[in-house]
Amino acid sequence: MLLIRSIIRPEKKDAVLAELTKAGFHAATVVDVVGRGKQKGIKIGSMVYDEIPKTLIMMAIPDEDKDKVVDVILQTARTGEKGAFGDGKVFISPVEEAYTISSGAKGL
């Protein structure tokens, strides 16, 4: 089992979630976040904005679905054909155990 955390542009959230749903991945936790990446924020005139709005999408998935889910996210969240600074990141971590609170069932 894996946890996929995607930090994407907020304007891409609906499209990414729709494409994940079309691909059969319905379960996700979505959180509005702020942060900065390698670009160290954005400078507009004399103002520097170092807390850029982003969206965090978290999904627990079976190991075998990793490539499909990552491909959907990368293709849908990318700006234009080649992408742009600030399009985001995808992080993948192992999940040792998961439980459904209502039933106590172990696993996804």
C-alpha atoms as a PDB file:
ATOM      1  CA  MET A   1       0.000   0.000   0.000  1.00  0.00           C
ATOM      2  CA  LEU A   2       1.250   3.478  -0.870  1.00  0.00           C
ATOM      3  CA  LEU A   3       0.410   7.048   0.094  1.00  0.00           C
ATOM      4  CA  ILE A   4       0.583   9.470  -2.809  1.00  0.00           C
ATOM      5  CA  ARG A   5       0.790  13.146  -1.897  1.00  0.00           C
ATOM      6  CA  SER A   6       0.488  15.578  -4.791  1.00  0.00           C
ATOM      7  CA  ILE A   7       1.051  19.284  -4.360  1.00  0.00           C
ATOM      8  CA  ILE A   8      -0.469  21.030  -7.378  1.00  0.00           C
ATOM      9  CA  ARG A   9      -1.714  24.404  -8.579  1.00  0.00           C
ATOM     10  CA  PRO A  10      -5.183  25.111  -7.105  1.00  0.00           C
ATOM     11  CA  GLU A  11      -6.653  25.773 -10.556  1.00  0.00           C
ATOM     12  CA  LYS A  12      -5.728  22.201 -11.574  1.00  0.00           C
ATOM     13  CA  LYS A  13      -7.508  20.530  -8.630  1.00  0.00           C
ATOM     14  CA  ASP A  14     -10.875  19.887 -10.286  1.00  0.00           C
ATOM     15  CA  ALA A  15      -9.318  18.540 -13.480  1.00  0.00           C
ATOM     16  CA  VAL A  16      -6.943  16.213 -11.593  1.00  0.00           C
ATOM     17  CA  LEU A  17      -9.719  14.866  -9.371  1.00  0.00           C
ATOM     18  CA  ALA A  18     -12.009  14.354 -12.392  1.00  0.00           C
ATOM     19  CA  GLU A  19      -9.306  12.441 -14.297  1.00  0.00           C
ATOM     20  CA  LEU A  20      -8.495  10.308 -11.262  1.00  0.00           C
ATOM     21  CA  THR A  21     -12.193   9.473 -10.914  1.00  0.00           C
ATOM     22  CA  LYS A  22     -12.405   8.558 -14.616  1.00  0.00           C
ATOM     23  CA  ALA A  23      -9.406   6.261 -14.098  1.00  0.00           C
ATOM     24  CA  GLY A  24     -11.230   4.536 -11.206  1.00  0.00           C
ATOM     25  CA  PHE A  25      -9.567   6.273  -8.252  1.00  0.00           C
ATOM     26  CA  HIS A  26     -12.349   7.970  -6.296  1.00  0.00           C
ATOM     27  CA  ALA A  27     -10.957   8.241  -2.757  1.00  0.00           C
ATOM     28  CA  ALA A  28      -8.852  11.311  -2.006  1.00  0.00           C
ATOM     29  CA  THR A  29      -8.260  13.836   0.740  1.00  0.00           C
ATOM     30  CA  VAL A  30      -7.909  17.406  -0.530  1.00  0.00           C
ATOM     31  CA  VAL A  31      -6.391  20.240   1.511  1.00  0.00           C
ATOM     32  CA  ASP A  32      -5.663  23.855   0.576  1.00  0.00           C
ATOM     33  CA  VAL A  33      -2.063  24.626   1.565  1.00  0.00           C
ATOM     34  CA  VAL A  34       0.576  27.323   1.053  1.00  0.00           C
ATOM     35  CA  GLY A  35       4.274  26.941   0.429  1.00  0.00           C
ATOM     36  CA  ARG A  36       7.135  27.569  -1.910  1.00  0.00           C
ATOM     37  CA  GLY A  37       9.434  25.442  -3.996  1.00  0.00           C
ATOM     38  CA  LYS A  38      12.777  25.935  -5.653  1.00  0.00           C
ATOM     39  CA  GLN A  39      11.680  29.258  -7.120  1.00  0.00           C
ATOM     40  CA  LYS A  40      11.648  30.733  -3.558  1.00  0.00           C
ATOM     41  CA  GLY A  41       8.319  32.456  -4.107  1.00  0.00           C
ATOM     42  CA  ILE A  42       7.233  35.030  -6.650  1.00  0.00           C
ATOM     43  CA  LYS A  43       8.412  38.632  -6.911  1.00  0.00           C
ATOM     44  CA  ILE A  44       5.919  41.118  -8.353  1.00  0.00           C
ATOM     45  CA  GLY A  45       7.347  44.617  -8.345  1.00  0.00           C
ATOM     46  CA  SER A  46       8.883  45.164  -4.931  1.00  0.00           C
ATOM     47  CA  MET A  47       6.645  42.560  -3.245  1.00  0.00           C
ATOM     48  CA  VAL A  48       7.853  39.006  -2.674  1.00  0.00           C
ATOM     49  CA  TYR A  49       5.198  36.349  -2.143  1.00  0.00           C
ATOM     50  CA  ASP A  50       6.857  33.336  -0.553  1.00  0.00           C
ATOM     51  CA  GLU A  51       3.692  31.547   0.520  1.00  0.00           C
ATOM     52  CA  ILE A  52       2.092  30.473  -2.732  1.00  0.00           C
ATOM     53  CA  PRO A  53      -1.387  28.845  -2.620  1.00  0.00           C
ATOM     54  CA  LYS A  54      -1.344  25.159  -3.590  1.00  0.00           C
ATOM     55  CA  THR A  55      -3.620  22.146  -3.251  1.00  0.00           C
ATOM     56  CA  LEU A  56      -2.539  18.906  -1.558  1.00  0.00           C
ATOM     57  CA  ILE A  57      -4.217  15.711  -2.764  1.00  0.00           C
ATOM     58  CA  MET A  58      -3.552  12.587  -0.692  1.00  0.00           C
ATOM     59  CA  MET A  59      -4.489   9.080  -1.775  1.00  0.00           C
ATOM     60  CA  ALA A  60      -3.818   5.641  -0.315  1.00  0.00           C
ATOM     61  CA  ILE A  61      -3.593   3.106  -3.147  1.00  0.00           C
ATOM     62  CA  PRO A  62      -2.449  -0.463  -3.793  1.00  0.00           C
ATOM     63  CA  ASP A  63       1.204  -0.702  -4.897  1.00  0.00           C
ATOM     64  CA  GLU A  64       0.255  -1.966  -8.352  1.00  0.00           C
ATOM     65  CA  ASP A  65      -1.742   1.206  -9.145  1.00  0.00           C
ATOM     66  CA  LYS A  66       1.195   3.587  -8.561  1.00  0.00           C
ATOM     67  CA  ASP A  67       2.237   4.125 -12.180  1.00  0.00           C
ATOM     68  CA  LYS A  68      -1.321   4.717 -13.386  1.00  0.00           C
ATOM     69  CA  VAL A  69      -2.160   7.216 -10.626  1.00  0.00           C
ATOM     70  CA  VAL A  70       1.133   9.111 -10.977  1.00  0.00           C
ATOM     71  CA  ASP A  71       0.706   9.289 -14.765  1.00  0.00           C
ATOM     72  CA  VAL A  72      -2.812  10.750 -14.425  1.00  0.00           C
ATOM     73  CA  ILE A  73      -1.568  13.370 -11.951  1.00  0.00           C
ATOM     74  CA  LEU A  74       1.504  14.328 -13.982  1.00  0.00           C
ATOM     75  CA  GLN A  75      -0.407  14.624 -17.254  1.00  0.00           C
ATOM     76  CA  THR A  76      -3.343  16.552 -15.792  1.00  0.00           C
ATOM     77  CA  ALA A  77      -1.533  18.879 -13.366  1.00  0.00           C
ATOM     78  CA  ARG A  78       1.137  19.969 -15.861  1.00  0.00           C
ATOM     79  CA  THR A  79       0.789  23.483 -17.292  1.00  0.00           C
ATOM     80  CA  GLY A  80       1.080  23.413 -21.080  1.00  0.00           C
ATOM     81  CA  GLU A  81       3.039  20.767 -22.976  1.00  0.00           C
ATOM     82  CA  LYS A  82       6.354  21.216 -21.203  1.00  0.00           C
ATOM     83  CA  GLY A  83       5.141  22.317 -17.784  1.00  0.00           C
ATOM     84  CA  ALA A  84       6.236  25.349 -15.777  1.00  0.00           C
ATOM     85  CA  PHE A  85       7.870  26.235 -12.470  1.00  0.00           C
ATOM     86  CA  GLY A  86       5.319  25.875  -9.705  1.00  0.00           C
ATOM     87  CA  ASP A  87       3.333  23.027 -11.288  1.00  0.00           C
ATOM     88  CA  GLY A  88       3.992  20.963  -8.168  1.00  0.00           C
ATOM     89  CA  LYS A  89       5.454  17.711  -6.875  1.00  0.00           C
ATOM     90  CA  VAL A  90       4.333  14.135  -6.299  1.00  0.00           C
ATOM     91  CA  PHE A  91       5.618  12.258  -3.255  1.00  0.00           C
ATOM     92  CA  ILE A  92       5.179   8.505  -2.746  1.00  0.00           C
ATOM     93  CA  SER A  93       5.559   6.797   0.633  1.00  0.00           C
ATOM     94  CA  PRO A  94       4.883   3.271   1.865  1.00  0.00           C
ATOM     95  CA  VAL A  95       1.923   2.723   4.186  1.00  0.00           C
ATOM     96  CA  GLU A  96       2.450  -0.069   6.701  1.00  0.00           C
ATOM     97  CA  GLU A  97      -1.164  -0.398   7.830  1.00  0.00           C
ATOM     98  CA  ALA A  98      -4.553   1.238   7.349  1.00  0.00           C
ATOM     99  CA  TYR A  99      -7.837   0.724   9.205  1.00  0.00           C
ATOM    100  CA  THR A 100     -11.404   1.771   8.452  1.00  0.00           C
ATOM    101  CA  ILE A 101     -12.679   3.446  11.603  1.00  0.00           C
ATOM    102  CA  SER A 102     -16.362   2.472  11.219  1.00  0.00           C
ATOM    103  CA  SER A 103     -15.732  -1.272  10.792  1.00  0.00           C
ATOM    104  CA  GLY A 104     -12.237  -1.684  12.187  1.00  0.00           C
ATOM    105  CA  ALA A 105     -11.304  -3.497   8.968  1.00  0.00           C
ATOM    106  CA  LYS A 106      -7.621  -3.561   8.080  1.00  0.00           C
ATOM    107  CA  GLY A 107      -6.470  -2.503   4.595  1.00  0.00           C
ATOM    108  CA  LEU A 108      -7.863  -0.274   1.892  1.00  0.00           C
END
